[in-house]
Amino acid sequence: MGVADELARLVAHRDAGELTDEEFQAAKADLLAHPERARVEPEAEAAEPVSARRRRNRRRALVVAVLIVLALVGWVVVSEAMIAGARLEVRVTSVTPVNADVVEVDATFTNVGGRASLGLCQVTVSLPGSSGSSPVETPPEPLTTAPVPPGGTASGKAEVVVVAGDARRVTTRDLSFTCQ
C-alpha cells in the first residue's frame, strides 16, 4: 500500500466513526511527514470467531438435512400413492398353435388398484423338459407396449416361439406373465 491507499484507509476509519477528526488529522500529518510508515500489506479483515462459524455451518447443515428428509418423505408418499396396489390382471382369451414351434397368445389386461398407468406385459411359455428335467422357458415376448391407465383395459397378442416341446400342446397353464 502506498501513501494514497493509507490516506483512503484513514478516511474510511474516520467516516465509520472509528477515528475522531482530531485523531484523523494527527494520523494524516504523521503519514505525510513520514511516508515510509505507510503500510506495505493491506489491512487484514477481522476473522470471524471459529465458534460463530461452526454454529452457522451447523445450522446450515441442519437445514439441508431437514430439506433432504422432507424431499425423501414426499417422494415416498407420492410414489406409494401412485403405485400402491397397482397391478395388471391378465385374462387369456386364446392360445392358438401356429405350427409345431410357434404359439399365438391373445390376452386382455386390466389395470386394477393404484393410480399409475402400467405398461409392458410379457408372456413366457414354460414346458416340462425331456424325461422329467426342469421346465424349459421360452424367451419372453411382449404382449403390451402402451401403458394401461388405472381402471383401463387393453388387449395384446404375441407369437411365442416354443423352445422345447410341441407348440400344439401349449395350454393357458403353461403361460406365465410378467407385467410392469
Protein backbone atom coordinates (compact mmCIF):
# COMPACT_ATOMS: atom_id res chain seq x y z
CA MET A 1 0.00 0.00 0.00
CA GLY A 2 1.17 3.49 -0.71
CA VAL A 3 0.50 6.84 0.93
CA ALA A 4 -2.70 7.37 -1.06
CA ASP A 5 -4.05 3.96 -0.01
CA GLU A 6 -3.16 4.66 3.61
CA LEU A 7 -4.94 8.06 3.46
CA ALA A 8 -8.02 6.34 1.97
CA ARG A 9 -7.94 3.82 4.81
CA LEU A 10 -7.75 6.65 7.39
CA VAL A 11 -10.70 8.43 5.70
CA ALA A 12 -12.73 5.19 5.80
CA HIS A 13 -11.98 4.78 9.54
CA ARG A 14 -12.95 8.41 10.18
CA ASP A 15 -16.19 8.04 8.17
CA ALA A 16 -17.01 4.84 10.05
CA GLY A 17 -16.65 6.72 13.34
CA GLU A 18 -13.59 4.78 14.44
CA LEU A 19 -11.43 7.95 14.43
CA THR A 20 -12.32 11.43 15.61
CA ASP A 21 -11.45 14.40 13.38
CA GLU A 22 -8.53 15.21 15.68
CA GLU A 23 -7.18 11.62 15.52
CA PHE A 24 -7.62 11.62 11.76
CA GLN A 25 -5.75 14.95 11.35
CA ALA A 26 -2.90 13.71 13.61
CA ALA A 27 -2.57 10.40 11.74
CA LYS A 28 -2.69 12.21 8.37
CA ALA A 29 0.02 14.70 9.44
CA ASP A 30 2.19 11.86 10.74
CA LEU A 31 1.74 9.92 7.47
CA LEU A 32 2.60 12.91 5.30
CA ALA A 33 5.64 13.70 7.47
CA HIS A 34 6.84 10.07 7.38
CA PRO A 35 5.62 8.42 4.14
CA GLU A 36 7.83 5.38 4.79
CA ARG A 37 5.42 4.42 7.57
CA ALA A 38 2.67 3.71 5.03
CA ARG A 39 1.56 0.09 5.29
CA VAL A 40 3.00 -2.26 2.74
CA GLU A 41 0.45 -5.05 3.41
CA PRO A 42 -3.28 -4.48 3.11
CA GLU A 43 -5.13 -4.47 6.39
CA ALA A 44 -6.45 -7.91 7.20
CA GLU A 45 -10.14 -8.19 7.85
CA ALA A 46 -11.05 -9.28 11.30
CA ALA A 47 -11.67 -13.01 11.14
CA GLU A 48 -14.98 -14.31 12.37
CA PRO A 49 -14.55 -16.36 15.53
CA VAL A 50 -14.37 -20.09 14.86
CA SER A 51 -17.26 -20.86 17.22
CA ALA A 52 -19.58 -18.47 15.35
CA ARG A 53 -18.66 -20.04 12.01
CA ARG A 54 -19.24 -23.51 13.42
CA ARG A 55 -22.66 -22.54 14.76
CA ARG A 56 -23.62 -21.03 11.40
CA ASN A 57 -22.33 -24.07 9.49
CA ARG A 58 -24.17 -26.44 11.84
CA ARG A 59 -27.40 -24.51 11.29
CA ARG A 60 -26.93 -24.67 7.53
CA ALA A 61 -26.18 -28.40 7.66
CA LEU A 62 -29.27 -28.99 9.80
CA VAL A 63 -31.47 -27.05 7.37
CA VAL A 64 -30.06 -29.01 4.41
CA ALA A 65 -30.57 -32.33 6.24
CA VAL A 66 -34.18 -31.43 7.10
CA LEU A 67 -34.86 -30.45 3.47
CA ILE A 68 -33.39 -33.74 2.22
CA VAL A 69 -35.50 -35.76 4.67
CA LEU A 70 -38.65 -33.85 3.68
CA ALA A 71 -37.93 -34.41 -0.01
CA LEU A 72 -37.42 -38.16 0.54
CA VAL A 73 -40.59 -38.47 2.61
CA GLY A 74 -42.54 -36.56 -0.06
CA TRP A 75 -41.14 -38.76 -2.80
CA VAL A 76 -42.08 -41.95 -0.90
CA VAL A 77 -45.60 -40.69 -0.16
CA VAL A 78 -46.22 -39.67 -3.77
CA SER A 79 -44.71 -42.90 -5.12
CA GLU A 80 -46.80 -45.06 -2.81
CA ALA A 81 -49.97 -43.14 -3.65
CA MET A 82 -49.28 -43.55 -7.35
CA ILE A 83 -48.23 -47.18 -7.39
CA ALA A 84 -49.73 -48.76 -4.25
CA GLY A 85 -51.76 -51.77 -5.22
CA ALA A 86 -51.42 -51.17 -8.94
CA ARG A 87 -51.23 -54.39 -10.93
CA LEU A 88 -52.30 -55.78 -14.24
CA GLU A 89 -54.77 -58.64 -14.20
CA VAL A 90 -54.29 -60.88 -17.23
CA ARG A 91 -57.06 -62.92 -18.84
CA VAL A 92 -56.02 -65.21 -21.66
CA THR A 93 -58.59 -65.13 -24.46
CA SER A 94 -56.94 -67.70 -26.72
CA VAL A 95 -53.88 -69.89 -27.19
CA THR A 96 -53.55 -70.88 -30.85
CA PRO A 97 -50.74 -73.02 -32.27
CA VAL A 98 -49.38 -71.52 -35.49
CA ASN A 99 -47.12 -74.51 -36.18
CA ALA A 100 -45.09 -77.01 -34.14
CA ASP A 101 -42.70 -74.27 -32.91
CA VAL A 102 -44.90 -71.18 -32.54
CA VAL A 103 -47.99 -70.43 -30.47
CA GLU A 104 -50.09 -67.25 -30.66
CA VAL A 105 -51.35 -65.88 -27.34
CA ASP A 106 -54.20 -63.36 -27.09
CA ALA A 107 -54.95 -61.75 -23.74
CA THR A 108 -56.67 -58.79 -22.12
CA PHE A 109 -55.15 -56.72 -19.33
CA THR A 110 -56.98 -54.71 -16.70
CA ASN A 111 -55.13 -52.21 -14.51
CA VAL A 112 -56.59 -52.68 -11.03
CA GLY A 113 -55.72 -50.66 -7.95
CA GLY A 114 -53.35 -47.73 -7.62
CA ARG A 115 -53.29 -44.55 -9.65
CA ALA A 116 -50.43 -45.29 -12.02
CA SER A 117 -50.54 -46.42 -15.61
CA LEU A 118 -48.82 -49.75 -16.08
CA GLY A 119 -47.15 -50.72 -19.30
CA LEU A 120 -45.18 -53.61 -20.66
CA CYS A 121 -46.53 -57.13 -20.13
CA GLN A 122 -44.60 -60.14 -21.39
CA VAL A 123 -45.60 -63.77 -21.82
CA THR A 124 -43.37 -66.82 -21.39
CA VAL A 125 -44.18 -70.44 -22.24
CA SER A 126 -42.77 -72.98 -19.83
CA LEU A 127 -42.98 -76.66 -20.81
CA PRO A 128 -41.56 -79.68 -18.97
CA GLY A 129 -38.16 -80.76 -20.25
CA SER A 130 -37.44 -84.21 -21.58
CA SER A 131 -37.50 -87.16 -19.14
CA GLY A 132 -38.63 -85.13 -16.13
CA SER A 133 -35.93 -82.45 -16.22
CA SER A 134 -36.73 -78.90 -15.14
CA PRO A 135 -39.12 -76.87 -17.33
CA VAL A 136 -37.72 -75.11 -20.37
CA GLU A 137 -38.80 -71.48 -20.73
CA THR A 138 -39.00 -69.54 -23.94
CA PRO A 139 -37.62 -66.01 -24.12
CA PRO A 140 -40.35 -63.55 -23.05
CA GLU A 141 -42.37 -61.89 -25.78
CA PRO A 142 -44.14 -58.54 -25.25
CA LEU A 143 -47.94 -58.56 -25.29
CA THR A 144 -48.46 -54.87 -24.47
CA THR A 145 -46.35 -51.87 -25.33
CA ALA A 146 -48.53 -48.93 -24.32
CA PRO A 147 -49.36 -48.16 -20.69
CA VAL A 148 -52.78 -49.22 -19.42
CA PRO A 149 -54.36 -46.36 -17.41
CA PRO A 150 -55.81 -47.03 -13.93
CA GLY A 151 -59.08 -48.91 -14.31
CA GLY A 152 -58.41 -49.33 -18.03
CA THR A 153 -58.33 -52.45 -20.14
CA ALA A 154 -56.13 -53.29 -23.12
CA SER A 155 -55.58 -56.34 -25.24
CA GLY A 156 -52.42 -57.81 -26.66
CA LYS A 157 -51.22 -60.54 -28.95
CA ALA A 158 -47.85 -62.25 -29.23
CA GLU A 159 -46.36 -65.06 -31.23
CA VAL A 160 -44.13 -67.06 -28.93
CA VAL A 161 -41.51 -69.48 -30.19
CA VAL A 162 -41.65 -72.66 -28.11
CA VAL A 163 -38.05 -73.67 -27.37
CA ALA A 164 -38.70 -77.21 -26.14
CA GLY A 165 -41.74 -79.32 -26.87
CA ASP A 166 -44.64 -79.02 -29.24
CA ALA A 167 -46.44 -75.69 -29.54
CA ARG A 168 -49.67 -77.60 -30.28
CA ARG A 169 -49.68 -78.88 -26.67
CA VAL A 170 -49.39 -75.42 -25.03
CA THR A 171 -52.31 -74.52 -22.73
CA THR A 172 -53.02 -71.49 -20.51
CA ARG A 173 -51.37 -73.36 -17.57
CA ASP A 174 -48.06 -73.29 -19.46
CA LEU A 175 -48.11 -69.49 -19.75
CA SER A 176 -46.60 -67.07 -17.26
CA PHE A 177 -46.85 -63.29 -17.38
CA THR A 178 -44.55 -60.56 -16.20
CA CYS A 179 -46.17 -57.13 -16.08
CA GLN A 180 -44.73 -53.77 -15.04
